[in-house]
Amino acid sequence: MKFLVIRFSSIGDIVLASPVLRCLKKQVATAEVHFLTKKSFKAVTEANPYVDKFFYFDKDLGEVIEELKKEDYDYVIDLHKNFRSGKIKRALGKKAYTIDKLDWQKFLLTKLHIDKMPKRHITQRSLDTVAAFGVKDDGLGLDYFIPQKDNIDISKDLPASHHAGYIAIVIGASYYTKKLPVHKLRALCAQINHPIILVGGKEDVKEAEAIAEEDPVKIYNACGKFNLNESADIVRCSKLVISHDTGLQYIASAYKKPTIAIWGGTSPKLDVEPYYGANYMASLKKSPYINMLVPNLPCQPCSKYGTNKCPRGHFKCMEQQDVYKIIDEVRGYLNN
């Protein structure tokens, strides 16, 4: 059977959907699995061994559709559910299974703060799309594969002060309301008695420089110095990850790294908290992750994606994050 799996974006969502590719390929004996995503996310998927063929959408959807028609798929698995994926399904004319994105439940939660979410993680809901083929959750959690060319050499690529181990702090995120302010990150780093690597993209360099000024020896600014997969490898090699709601948080989950997840404008109530798989969770005495939220904040979450400014102007969801509580959790994981 030939399957086309569609998930256009983003980094985190693609990683959260990764068990679909693995379980489909391993559990359906005749499965040939093709994957369609945006060209800008090629690095996220290119090393996945459970995908037989990749397609990448850039600007011309019609061109991609013509290429897909040549494949004569048996089924389409739509994990994105938007206008573009709908157009592809109509053009291919094949039986399709589509994820329920819970749009009205998310609207109620983020706009009216009425929680009707089913408490079923998005990864589980993604796996529901292939249940008709006898595919079941194998309990192994998320996948992320780093091409060998992007593996870092700790002895050469990182400062000597960090060779014995470090905490990775992912400072970036796609929207303002998903990020701790610089002064909070500085306060956090000041209280951590352990080598730190700041992870992020080129857009995070200036903020990272301001944070690293707190202690240039203890804090290494890796933002903008490494590509996505190299940054993922920094996360993979870390002792502990502190992260906003962003793609590298879920990559940390894929590598079973202890993670302190910091939530602002978004929330784990959206069924998107770190995901490790039932088998790994059952083997532990302590959860490998903790969600850090400001308690009893009625306006949180304010968005399912994040926004470029606080809708109410106070930004309490991040400004009132308890740095000392985060530090206690850091100590707990490092001493565990």
C-alpha atoms as a PDB file:
ATOM      1  CA  MET A   1       0.000   0.000   0.000  1.00  0.00           C
ATOM      2  CA  LYS A   2       1.249   3.429  -0.940  1.00  0.00           C
ATOM      3  CA  PHE A   3       0.653   6.290   1.491  1.00  0.00           C
ATOM      4  CA  LEU A   4       1.131  10.021   1.175  1.00  0.00           C
ATOM      5  CA  VAL A   5       1.492  11.726   4.565  1.00  0.00           C
ATOM      6  CA  ILE A   6       1.055  15.516   4.600  1.00  0.00           C
ATOM      7  CA  ARG A   7       2.357  17.867   7.293  1.00  0.00           C
ATOM      8  CA  PHE A   8       3.541  21.212   5.937  1.00  0.00           C
ATOM      9  CA  SER A   9       4.836  22.807   9.148  1.00  0.00           C
ATOM     10  CA  SER A  10       6.160  23.607  11.704  1.00  0.00           C
ATOM     11  CA  ILE A  11       9.296  22.030  13.221  1.00  0.00           C
ATOM     12  CA  GLY A  12       7.512  21.025  16.399  1.00  0.00           C
ATOM     13  CA  ASP A  13       4.387  19.780  14.648  1.00  0.00           C
ATOM     14  CA  ILE A  14       6.412  17.654  12.248  1.00  0.00           C
ATOM     15  CA  VAL A  15       8.331  16.089  15.142  1.00  0.00           C
ATOM     16  CA  LEU A  16       5.105  15.504  17.063  1.00  0.00           C
ATOM     17  CA  ALA A  17       3.729  13.654  14.027  1.00  0.00           C
ATOM     18  CA  SER A  18       6.820  11.460  13.601  1.00  0.00           C
ATOM     19  CA  PRO A  19       5.333   8.332  15.253  1.00  0.00           C
ATOM     20  CA  VAL A  20       2.814   8.140  12.399  1.00  0.00           C
ATOM     21  CA  LEU A  21       5.635   7.614   9.908  1.00  0.00           C
ATOM     22  CA  ARG A  22       7.416   5.037  12.066  1.00  0.00           C
ATOM     23  CA  CYS A  23       4.357   3.051  13.073  1.00  0.00           C
ATOM     24  CA  LEU A  24       2.890   3.062   9.573  1.00  0.00           C
ATOM     25  CA  LYS A  25       6.136   1.844   8.030  1.00  0.00           C
ATOM     26  CA  LYS A  26       6.859  -0.804  10.665  1.00  0.00           C
ATOM     27  CA  GLN A  27       3.348  -2.138  11.247  1.00  0.00           C
ATOM     28  CA  VAL A  28       1.886  -2.259   7.725  1.00  0.00           C
ATOM     29  CA  ALA A  29       3.933  -4.892   5.934  1.00  0.00           C
ATOM     30  CA  THR A  30       3.446  -3.497   2.432  1.00  0.00           C
ATOM     31  CA  ALA A  31       3.570   0.202   3.334  1.00  0.00           C
ATOM     32  CA  GLU A  32       5.438   2.570   1.064  1.00  0.00           C
ATOM     33  CA  VAL A  33       5.471   5.897   2.887  1.00  0.00           C
ATOM     34  CA  HIS A  34       5.892   9.242   1.129  1.00  0.00           C
ATOM     35  CA  PHE A  35       5.994  12.547   2.991  1.00  0.00           C
ATOM     36  CA  LEU A  36       5.084  16.061   1.862  1.00  0.00           C
ATOM     37  CA  THR A  37       6.189  19.162   3.745  1.00  0.00           C
ATOM     38  CA  LYS A  38       7.389  22.686   3.001  1.00  0.00           C
ATOM     39  CA  LYS A  39      10.814  23.018   1.439  1.00  0.00           C
ATOM     40  CA  SER A  40      11.877  25.234   4.346  1.00  0.00           C
ATOM     41  CA  PHE A  41      11.490  22.213   6.669  1.00  0.00           C
ATOM     42  CA  LYS A  42      13.558  19.799   4.612  1.00  0.00           C
ATOM     43  CA  ALA A  43      16.215  19.612   7.340  1.00  0.00           C
ATOM     44  CA  VAL A  44      13.620  18.364   9.826  1.00  0.00           C
ATOM     45  CA  THR A  45      12.750  15.291   7.783  1.00  0.00           C
ATOM     46  CA  GLU A  46      15.533  14.452   5.342  1.00  0.00           C
ATOM     47  CA  ALA A  47      17.237  11.779   7.486  1.00  0.00           C
ATOM     48  CA  ASN A  48      14.065   9.929   8.522  1.00  0.00           C
ATOM     49  CA  PRO A  49      14.569   6.239   7.591  1.00  0.00           C
ATOM     50  CA  TYR A  50      10.835   5.480   7.716  1.00  0.00           C
ATOM     51  CA  VAL A  51      10.097   7.651   4.677  1.00  0.00           C
ATOM     52  CA  ASP A  52      10.600   6.107   1.247  1.00  0.00           C
ATOM     53  CA  LYS A  53      10.259   9.342  -0.733  1.00  0.00           C
ATOM     54  CA  PHE A  54      10.049  13.040   0.096  1.00  0.00           C
ATOM     55  CA  PHE A  55       8.188  15.843  -1.633  1.00  0.00           C
ATOM     56  CA  TYR A  56       8.789  19.482  -0.764  1.00  0.00           C
ATOM     57  CA  PHE A  57       6.368  22.313  -1.433  1.00  0.00           C
ATOM     58  CA  ASP A  58       7.822  25.765  -2.072  1.00  0.00           C
ATOM     59  CA  LYS A  59       5.611  28.136  -4.062  1.00  0.00           C
ATOM     60  CA  ASP A  60       3.988  26.209  -6.899  1.00  0.00           C
ATOM     61  CA  LEU A  61       1.379  23.866  -5.407  1.00  0.00           C
ATOM     62  CA  GLY A  62       0.167  22.906  -8.879  1.00  0.00           C
ATOM     63  CA  GLU A  63       3.600  21.578  -9.796  1.00  0.00           C
ATOM     64  CA  VAL A  64       3.716  19.476  -6.635  1.00  0.00           C
ATOM     65  CA  ILE A  65       0.234  18.100  -7.314  1.00  0.00           C
ATOM     66  CA  GLU A  66       1.264  16.982 -10.788  1.00  0.00           C
ATOM     67  CA  GLU A  67       4.250  15.133  -9.309  1.00  0.00           C
ATOM     68  CA  LEU A  68       2.032  13.502  -6.689  1.00  0.00           C
ATOM     69  CA  LYS A  69      -0.491  12.341  -9.298  1.00  0.00           C
ATOM     70  CA  LYS A  70       2.237  10.258 -10.932  1.00  0.00           C
ATOM     71  CA  GLU A  71       2.611   8.199  -7.739  1.00  0.00           C
ATOM     72  CA  ASP A  72      -0.947   6.777  -7.813  1.00  0.00           C
ATOM     73  CA  TYR A  73      -1.334   6.609  -4.034  1.00  0.00           C
ATOM     74  CA  ASP A  74      -3.721   4.275  -2.292  1.00  0.00           C
ATOM     75  CA  TYR A  75      -4.315   6.590   0.653  1.00  0.00           C
ATOM     76  CA  VAL A  76      -3.609  10.131   1.819  1.00  0.00           C
ATOM     77  CA  ILE A  77      -2.951  10.840   5.511  1.00  0.00           C
ATOM     78  CA  ASP A  78      -3.588  14.534   6.116  1.00  0.00           C
ATOM     79  CA  LEU A  79      -1.973  15.694   9.359  1.00  0.00           C
ATOM     80  CA  HIS A  80      -2.252  19.382   8.490  1.00  0.00           C
ATOM     81  CA  LYS A  81      -5.864  19.927   7.442  1.00  0.00           C
ATOM     82  CA  ASN A  82      -5.789  23.298   5.705  1.00  0.00           C
ATOM     83  CA  PHE A  83      -6.730  24.753   2.312  1.00  0.00           C
ATOM     84  CA  ARG A  84      -3.610  23.419   0.593  1.00  0.00           C
ATOM     85  CA  SER A  85      -3.885  19.884   1.933  1.00  0.00           C
ATOM     86  CA  GLY A  86      -7.583  19.893   1.004  1.00  0.00           C
ATOM     87  CA  LYS A  87      -6.735  20.938  -2.565  1.00  0.00           C
ATOM     88  CA  ILE A  88      -4.212  18.113  -2.804  1.00  0.00           C
ATOM     89  CA  LYS A  89      -6.721  15.547  -1.575  1.00  0.00           C
ATOM     90  CA  ARG A  90      -9.320  16.690  -4.089  1.00  0.00           C
ATOM     91  CA  ALA A  91      -6.786  16.623  -6.925  1.00  0.00           C
ATOM     92  CA  LEU A  92      -5.558  13.113  -6.101  1.00  0.00           C
ATOM     93  CA  GLY A  93      -9.046  11.727  -5.581  1.00  0.00           C
ATOM     94  CA  LYS A  94      -7.874   9.027  -3.176  1.00  0.00           C
ATOM     95  CA  LYS A  95      -9.364   7.925   0.123  1.00  0.00           C
ATOM     96  CA  ALA A  96      -8.038  10.234   2.822  1.00  0.00           C
ATOM     97  CA  TYR A  97      -7.790  10.164   6.596  1.00  0.00           C
ATOM     98  CA  THR A  98      -7.562  13.578   8.204  1.00  0.00           C
ATOM     99  CA  ILE A  99      -6.581  14.712  11.688  1.00  0.00           C
ATOM    100  CA  ASP A 100      -9.165  16.477  13.817  1.00  0.00           C
ATOM    101  CA  LYS A 101      -7.517  19.806  14.640  1.00  0.00           C
ATOM    102  CA  LEU A 102     -10.127  20.617  17.288  1.00  0.00           C
ATOM    103  CA  ASP A 103     -10.540  24.155  15.970  1.00  0.00           C
ATOM    104  CA  TRP A 104     -13.687  25.017  17.903  1.00  0.00           C
ATOM    105  CA  GLN A 105     -12.348  23.551  21.138  1.00  0.00           C
ATOM    106  CA  LYS A 106      -9.166  25.613  20.741  1.00  0.00           C
ATOM    107  CA  PHE A 107     -11.240  28.713  20.011  1.00  0.00           C
ATOM    108  CA  LEU A 108     -13.243  28.196  23.193  1.00  0.00           C
ATOM    109  CA  LEU A 109     -10.064  27.674  25.213  1.00  0.00           C
ATOM    110  CA  THR A 110      -8.049  30.612  23.891  1.00  0.00           C
ATOM    111  CA  LYS A 111     -10.834  33.172  23.409  1.00  0.00           C
ATOM    112  CA  LEU A 112     -13.415  32.313  26.049  1.00  0.00           C
ATOM    113  CA  HIS A 113     -11.248  30.167  28.374  1.00  0.00           C
ATOM    114  CA  ILE A 114     -13.749  27.343  28.319  1.00  0.00           C
ATOM    115  CA  ASP A 115     -11.829  24.072  28.325  1.00  0.00           C
ATOM    116  CA  LYS A 116     -13.456  21.455  26.108  1.00  0.00           C
ATOM    117  CA  MET A 117     -10.183  19.912  24.923  1.00  0.00           C
ATOM    118  CA  PRO A 118     -10.298  16.094  24.961  1.00  0.00           C
ATOM    119  CA  LYS A 119      -7.046  15.683  26.955  1.00  0.00           C
ATOM    120  CA  ARG A 120      -5.668  13.565  24.136  1.00  0.00           C
ATOM    121  CA  HIS A 121      -2.204  14.567  22.995  1.00  0.00           C
ATOM    122  CA  ILE A 122      -1.792  15.746  19.419  1.00  0.00           C
ATOM    123  CA  THR A 123       0.578  12.833  18.769  1.00  0.00           C
ATOM    124  CA  GLN A 124      -2.154  10.401  19.769  1.00  0.00           C
ATOM    125  CA  ARG A 125      -4.659  12.203  17.564  1.00  0.00           C
ATOM    126  CA  SER A 126      -2.187  12.013  14.697  1.00  0.00           C
ATOM    127  CA  LEU A 127      -1.905   8.261  15.202  1.00  0.00           C
ATOM    128  CA  ASP A 128      -5.705   8.011  15.116  1.00  0.00           C
ATOM    129  CA  THR A 129      -5.542   8.810  11.383  1.00  0.00           C
ATOM    130  CA  VAL A 130      -3.869   5.463  10.639  1.00  0.00           C
ATOM    131  CA  ALA A 131      -5.806   3.297  13.097  1.00  0.00           C
ATOM    132  CA  ALA A 132      -7.969   1.935  10.253  1.00  0.00           C
ATOM    133  CA  PHE A 133      -4.898   0.092   8.951  1.00  0.00           C
ATOM    134  CA  GLY A 134      -4.362  -1.698  12.255  1.00  0.00           C
ATOM    135  CA  VAL A 135      -1.634   0.721  13.286  1.00  0.00           C
ATOM    136  CA  LYS A 136      -1.230   1.188  17.032  1.00  0.00           C
ATOM    137  CA  ASP A 137       0.942   3.408  19.174  1.00  0.00           C
ATOM    138  CA  ASP A 138       4.152   1.462  19.823  1.00  0.00           C
ATOM    139  CA  GLY A 139       4.900   3.557  22.919  1.00  0.00           C
ATOM    140  CA  LEU A 140       8.319   4.630  21.643  1.00  0.00           C
ATOM    141  CA  GLY A 141       7.626   8.358  21.556  1.00  0.00           C
ATOM    142  CA  LEU A 142       8.894  10.868  19.039  1.00  0.00           C
ATOM    143  CA  ASP A 143      11.642  10.556  16.413  1.00  0.00           C
ATOM    144  CA  TYR A 144      14.254  13.005  15.250  1.00  0.00           C
ATOM    145  CA  PHE A 145      17.133  12.013  13.013  1.00  0.00           C
ATOM    146  CA  ILE A 146      20.272  14.121  12.605  1.00  0.00           C
ATOM    147  CA  PRO A 147      22.309  13.578   9.428  1.00  0.00           C
ATOM    148  CA  GLN A 148      25.871  12.493  10.225  1.00  0.00           C
ATOM    149  CA  LYS A 149      27.244  15.626   8.582  1.00  0.00           C
ATOM    150  CA  ASP A 150      25.496  17.724  11.236  1.00  0.00           C
ATOM    151  CA  ASN A 151      26.793  15.873  14.290  1.00  0.00           C
ATOM    152  CA  ILE A 152      28.759  18.250  16.484  1.00  0.00           C
ATOM    153  CA  ASP A 153      32.214  17.472  17.866  1.00  0.00           C
ATOM    154  CA  ILE A 154      32.006  18.629  21.467  1.00  0.00           C
ATOM    155  CA  SER A 155      35.792  18.783  21.833  1.00  0.00           C
ATOM    156  CA  LYS A 156      36.103  21.100  18.827  1.00  0.00           C
ATOM    157  CA  ASP A 157      32.783  22.926  18.499  1.00  0.00           C
ATOM    158  CA  LEU A 158      32.128  23.849  22.140  1.00  0.00           C
ATOM    159  CA  PRO A 159      34.321  25.670  24.684  1.00  0.00           C
ATOM    160  CA  ALA A 160      36.436  23.542  27.042  1.00  0.00           C
ATOM    161  CA  SER A 161      34.392  24.802  29.998  1.00  0.00           C
ATOM    162  CA  HIS A 162      31.397  22.886  28.627  1.00  0.00           C
ATOM    163  CA  HIS A 163      33.041  19.590  27.664  1.00  0.00           C
ATOM    164  CA  ALA A 164      32.072  17.843  30.916  1.00  0.00           C
ATOM    165  CA  GLY A 165      28.387  18.635  30.492  1.00  0.00           C
ATOM    166  CA  TYR A 166      25.967  21.517  30.156  1.00  0.00           C
ATOM    167  CA  ILE A 167      22.372  22.669  30.330  1.00  0.00           C
ATOM    168  CA  ALA A 168      20.812  23.737  27.015  1.00  0.00           C
ATOM    169  CA  ILE A 169      18.479  26.724  27.251  1.00  0.00           C
ATOM    170  CA  VAL A 170      16.398  27.227  24.116  1.00  0.00           C
ATOM    171  CA  ILE A 171      15.746  30.984  24.156  1.00  0.00           C
ATOM    172  CA  GLY A 172      13.939  31.377  20.849  1.00  0.00           C
ATOM    173  CA  ALA A 173      10.335  30.889  19.794  1.00  0.00           C
ATOM    174  CA  SER A 174       8.179  31.886  16.850  1.00  0.00           C
ATOM    175  CA  TYR A 175       6.213  34.557  18.760  1.00  0.00           C
ATOM    176  CA  TYR A 176       6.913  37.125  21.466  1.00  0.00           C
ATOM    177  CA  THR A 177       4.378  35.730  23.945  1.00  0.00           C
ATOM    178  CA  LYS A 178       6.105  32.340  23.912  1.00  0.00           C
ATOM    179  CA  LYS A 179       9.437  33.730  25.163  1.00  0.00           C
ATOM    180  CA  LEU A 180      10.743  34.722  28.566  1.00  0.00           C
ATOM    181  CA  PRO A 181      11.978  38.342  28.535  1.00  0.00           C
ATOM    182  CA  VAL A 182      15.743  38.837  28.537  1.00  0.00           C
ATOM    183  CA  HIS A 183      15.829  40.046  32.137  1.00  0.00           C
ATOM    184  CA  LYS A 184      14.093  36.848  33.291  1.00  0.00           C
ATOM    185  CA  LEU A 185      16.499  34.684  31.296  1.00  0.00           C
ATOM    186  CA  ARG A 186      19.447  36.590  32.770  1.00  0.00           C
ATOM    187  CA  ALA A 187      18.080  36.038  36.271  1.00  0.00           C
ATOM    188  CA  LEU A 188      17.612  32.351  35.525  1.00  0.00           C
ATOM    189  CA  CYS A 189      21.141  31.920  34.184  1.00  0.00           C
ATOM    190  CA  ALA A 190      22.613  33.834  37.114  1.00  0.00           C
ATOM    191  CA  GLN A 191      21.150  31.311  39.564  1.00  0.00           C
ATOM    192  CA  ILE A 192      22.192  28.165  37.664  1.00  0.00           C
ATOM    193  CA  ASN A 193      25.488  26.833  38.982  1.00  0.00           C
ATOM    194  CA  HIS A 194      26.305  24.813  35.884  1.00  0.00           C
ATOM    195  CA  PRO A 195      27.646  25.446  32.349  1.00  0.00           C
ATOM    196  CA  ILE A 196      24.922  26.742  30.028  1.00  0.00           C
ATOM    197  CA  ILE A 197      24.550  26.821  26.255  1.00  0.00           C
ATOM    198  CA  LEU A 198      22.033  29.241  24.769  1.00  0.00           C
ATOM    199  CA  VAL A 199      20.398  27.677  21.710  1.00  0.00           C
ATOM    200  CA  GLY A 200      18.553  29.604  19.017  1.00  0.00           C
ATOM    201  CA  GLY A 201      18.686  30.995  15.504  1.00  0.00           C
ATOM    202  CA  LYS A 202      20.247  34.084  13.978  1.00  0.00           C
ATOM    203  CA  GLU A 203      17.194  36.089  15.035  1.00  0.00           C
ATOM    204  CA  ASP A 204      18.059  35.360  18.687  1.00  0.00           C
ATOM    205  CA  VAL A 205      21.702  36.497  18.605  1.00  0.00           C
ATOM    206  CA  LYS A 206      21.277  39.955  20.161  1.00  0.00           C
ATOM    207  CA  GLU A 207      19.103  38.701  22.989  1.00  0.00           C
ATOM    208  CA  ALA A 208      21.545  35.862  23.606  1.00  0.00           C
ATOM    209  CA  GLU A 209      24.446  38.311  23.766  1.00  0.00           C
ATOM    210  CA  ALA A 210      22.616  40.295  26.432  1.00  0.00           C
ATOM    211  CA  ILE A 211      21.949  37.118  28.423  1.00  0.00           C
ATOM    212  CA  ALA A 212      25.528  35.833  28.101  1.00  0.00           C
ATOM    213  CA  GLU A 213      26.855  39.106  29.550  1.00  0.00           C
ATOM    214  CA  GLU A 214      25.667  37.775  32.921  1.00  0.00           C
ATOM    215  CA  ASP A 215      28.609  35.337  32.928  1.00  0.00           C
ATOM    216  CA  PRO A 216      30.507  34.933  29.621  1.00  0.00           C
ATOM    217  CA  VAL A 217      32.442  31.922  30.896  1.00  0.00           C
ATOM    218  CA  LYS A 218      29.532  29.917  32.285  1.00  0.00           C
ATOM    219  CA  ILE A 219      27.160  30.904  29.460  1.00  0.00           C
ATOM    220  CA  TYR A 220      28.074  30.029  25.878  1.00  0.00           C
ATOM    221  CA  ASN A 221      26.043  31.772  23.196  1.00  0.00           C
ATOM    222  CA  ALA A 222      25.474  29.255  20.397  1.00  0.00           C
ATOM    223  CA  CYS A 223      22.651  31.226  18.751  1.00  0.00           C
ATOM    224  CA  GLY A 224      23.198  31.710  15.035  1.00  0.00           C
ATOM    225  CA  LYS A 225      26.419  29.681  15.062  1.00  0.00           C
ATOM    226  CA  PHE A 226      24.859  26.320  14.252  1.00  0.00           C
ATOM    227  CA  ASN A 227      22.201  25.141  11.814  1.00  0.00           C
ATOM    228  CA  LEU A 228      18.987  23.473  12.982  1.00  0.00           C
ATOM    229  CA  ASN A 229      20.333  19.929  13.059  1.00  0.00           C
ATOM    230  CA  GLU A 230      23.563  20.997  14.754  1.00  0.00           C
ATOM    231  CA  SER A 231      21.460  22.813  17.364  1.00  0.00           C
ATOM    232  CA  ALA A 232      19.410  19.638  17.743  1.00  0.00           C
ATOM    233  CA  ASP A 233      22.649  17.759  18.395  1.00  0.00           C
ATOM    234  CA  ILE A 234      23.587  20.290  21.085  1.00  0.00           C
ATOM    235  CA  VAL A 235      20.238  19.510  22.700  1.00  0.00           C
ATOM    236  CA  ARG A 236      20.841  15.764  22.294  1.00  0.00           C
ATOM    237  CA  CYS A 237      24.195  15.988  24.070  1.00  0.00           C
ATOM    238  CA  SER A 238      22.935  18.123  26.965  1.00  0.00           C
ATOM    239  CA  LYS A 239      22.196  17.008  30.527  1.00  0.00           C
ATOM    240  CA  LEU A 240      18.981  19.003  30.727  1.00  0.00           C
ATOM    241  CA  VAL A 241      16.917  21.238  28.445  1.00  0.00           C
ATOM    242  CA  ILE A 242      15.020  24.380  29.415  1.00  0.00           C
ATOM    243  CA  SER A 243      12.808  25.459  26.554  1.00  0.00           C
ATOM    244  CA  HIS A 244       9.923  27.620  25.498  1.00  0.00           C
ATOM    245  CA  ASP A 245       7.097  26.135  23.398  1.00  0.00           C
ATOM    246  CA  THR A 246       9.168  25.618  20.277  1.00  0.00           C
ATOM    247  CA  GLY A 247      10.470  22.891  17.988  1.00  0.00           C
ATOM    248  CA  LEU A 248      13.592  22.092  19.978  1.00  0.00           C
ATOM    249  CA  GLN A 249      11.431  21.312  23.020  1.00  0.00           C
ATOM    250  CA  TYR A 250       9.960  18.372  21.103  1.00  0.00           C
ATOM    251  CA  ILE A 251      13.338  17.386  19.684  1.00  0.00           C
ATOM    252  CA  ALA A 252      14.492  17.186  23.315  1.00  0.00           C
ATOM    253  CA  SER A 253      11.568  14.827  23.968  1.00  0.00           C
ATOM    254  CA  ALA A 254      12.602  12.684  20.999  1.00  0.00           C
ATOM    255  CA  TYR A 255      16.044  12.264  22.572  1.00  0.00           C
ATOM    256  CA  LYS A 256      14.508  11.566  25.999  1.00  0.00           C
ATOM    257  CA  LYS A 257      16.195  14.569  27.569  1.00  0.00           C
ATOM    258  CA  PRO A 258      14.849  15.875  30.891  1.00  0.00           C
ATOM    259  CA  THR A 259      12.996  19.048  29.954  1.00  0.00           C
ATOM    260  CA  ILE A 260      11.668  22.075  31.796  1.00  0.00           C
ATOM    261  CA  ALA A 261       8.986  23.468  29.481  1.00  0.00           C
ATOM    262  CA  ILE A 262       8.157  27.151  30.003  1.00  0.00           C
ATOM    263  CA  TRP A 263       4.727  28.270  28.836  1.00  0.00           C
ATOM    264  CA  GLY A 264       3.470  31.780  28.174  1.00  0.00           C
ATOM    265  CA  GLY A 265       0.773  32.666  25.639  1.00  0.00           C
ATOM    266  CA  THR A 266       0.276  29.005  24.724  1.00  0.00           C
ATOM    267  CA  SER A 267      -0.368  26.119  27.086  1.00  0.00           C
ATOM    268  CA  PRO A 268      -0.099  22.349  27.522  1.00  0.00           C
ATOM    269  CA  LYS A 269      -3.900  22.488  27.775  1.00  0.00           C
ATOM    270  CA  LEU A 270      -3.763  22.596  23.964  1.00  0.00           C
ATOM    271  CA  ASP A 271      -2.608  18.948  24.162  1.00  0.00           C
ATOM    272  CA  VAL A 272       0.924  19.769  23.010  1.00  0.00           C
ATOM    273  CA  GLU A 273       3.097  19.194  26.083  1.00  0.00           C
ATOM    274  CA  PRO A 274       6.422  17.296  25.786  1.00  0.00           C
ATOM    275  CA  TYR A 275       5.843  13.716  24.663  1.00  0.00           C
ATOM    276  CA  TYR A 276       8.096  10.752  25.508  1.00  0.00           C
ATOM    277  CA  GLY A 277       5.998   7.686  24.755  1.00  0.00           C
ATOM    278  CA  ALA A 278       4.279   5.297  27.144  1.00  0.00           C
ATOM    279  CA  ASN A 279       7.159   2.804  27.322  1.00  0.00           C
ATOM    280  CA  TYR A 280       9.710   5.363  28.455  1.00  0.00           C
ATOM    281  CA  MET A 281       7.323   7.020  30.903  1.00  0.00           C
ATOM    282  CA  ALA A 282       6.574   3.653  32.493  1.00  0.00           C
ATOM    283  CA  SER A 283      10.273   3.014  33.106  1.00  0.00           C
ATOM    284  CA  LEU A 284      10.786   6.158  35.205  1.00  0.00           C
ATOM    285  CA  LYS A 285      10.061   7.041  38.809  1.00  0.00           C
ATOM    286  CA  LYS A 286      10.024  10.759  38.033  1.00  0.00           C
ATOM    287  CA  SER A 287       8.492  12.497  35.037  1.00  0.00           C
ATOM    288  CA  PRO A 288      11.151  13.491  32.478  1.00  0.00           C
ATOM    289  CA  TYR A 289       9.509  16.887  32.052  1.00  0.00           C
ATOM    290  CA  ILE A 290       7.704  19.566  33.991  1.00  0.00           C
ATOM    291  CA  ASN A 291       5.462  22.319  32.659  1.00  0.00           C
ATOM    292  CA  MET A 292       6.154  25.743  34.153  1.00  0.00           C
ATOM    293  CA  LEU A 293       3.105  28.017  34.123  1.00  0.00           C
ATOM    294  CA  VAL A 294       2.031  30.972  36.212  1.00  0.00           C
ATOM    295  CA  PRO A 295      -0.764  29.491  38.375  1.00  0.00           C
ATOM    296  CA  ASN A 296      -4.340  30.733  38.304  1.00  0.00           C
ATOM    297  CA  LEU A 297      -3.843  33.078  35.368  1.00  0.00           C
ATOM    298  CA  PRO A 298      -7.302  33.406  33.750  1.00  0.00           C
ATOM    299  CA  CYS A 299      -6.077  34.805  30.420  1.00  0.00           C
ATOM    300  CA  GLN A 300      -3.708  31.919  29.695  1.00  0.00           C
ATOM    301  CA  PRO A 301      -3.619  30.540  27.027  1.00  0.00           C
ATOM    302  CA  CYS A 302      -4.434  33.522  24.825  1.00  0.00           C
ATOM    303  CA  SER A 303      -3.499  31.845  21.536  1.00  0.00           C
ATOM    304  CA  LYS A 304      -2.905  28.426  20.021  1.00  0.00           C
ATOM    305  CA  TYR A 305       0.214  29.703  18.224  1.00  0.00           C
ATOM    306  CA  GLY A 306       1.414  32.703  20.242  1.00  0.00           C
ATOM    307  CA  THR A 307       1.161  36.408  19.407  1.00  0.00           C
ATOM    308  CA  ASN A 308       3.544  39.291  18.763  1.00  0.00           C
ATOM    309  CA  LYS A 309       2.385  41.170  21.854  1.00  0.00           C
ATOM    310  CA  CYS A 310       0.408  40.472  25.005  1.00  0.00           C
ATOM    311  CA  PRO A 311      -3.289  41.064  24.218  1.00  0.00           C
ATOM    312  CA  ARG A 312      -3.821  42.533  27.693  1.00  0.00           C
ATOM    313  CA  GLY A 313      -0.547  44.424  27.906  1.00  0.00           C
ATOM    314  CA  HIS A 314       0.690  42.962  31.209  1.00  0.00           C
ATOM    315  CA  PHE A 315       2.459  39.796  29.955  1.00  0.00           C
ATOM    316  CA  LYS A 316       1.980  38.152  33.344  1.00  0.00           C
ATOM    317  CA  CYS A 317       2.318  34.656  31.855  1.00  0.00           C
ATOM    318  CA  MET A 318       6.060  35.263  31.459  1.00  0.00           C
ATOM    319  CA  GLU A 319       6.800  38.223  33.733  1.00  0.00           C
ATOM    320  CA  GLN A 320       5.462  36.297  36.725  1.00  0.00           C
ATOM    321  CA  GLN A 321       7.300  33.038  35.974  1.00  0.00           C
ATOM    322  CA  ASP A 322       8.968  31.907  39.210  1.00  0.00           C
ATOM    323  CA  VAL A 323      12.692  31.772  38.452  1.00  0.00           C
ATOM    324  CA  TYR A 324      13.484  30.185  41.827  1.00  0.00           C
ATOM    325  CA  LYS A 325      10.997  27.401  41.223  1.00  0.00           C
ATOM    326  CA  ILE A 326      12.640  26.718  37.868  1.00  0.00           C
ATOM    327  CA  ILE A 327      16.024  26.615  39.639  1.00  0.00           C
ATOM    328  CA  ASP A 328      14.669  24.077  42.130  1.00  0.00           C
ATOM    329  CA  GLU A 329      13.574  21.883  39.252  1.00  0.00           C
ATOM    330  CA  VAL A 330      17.002  22.228  37.601  1.00  0.00           C
ATOM    331  CA  ARG A 331      18.666  21.042  40.800  1.00  0.00           C
ATOM    332  CA  GLY A 332      16.208  18.195  41.124  1.00  0.00           C
ATOM    333  CA  TYR A 333      16.937  16.874  37.629  1.00  0.00           C
ATOM    334  CA  LEU A 334      20.721  17.301  37.887  1.00  0.00           C
ATOM    335  CA  ASN A 335      20.821  15.497  41.232  1.00  0.00           C
ATOM    336  CA  ASN A 336      18.398  12.761  40.224  1.00  0.00           C
END
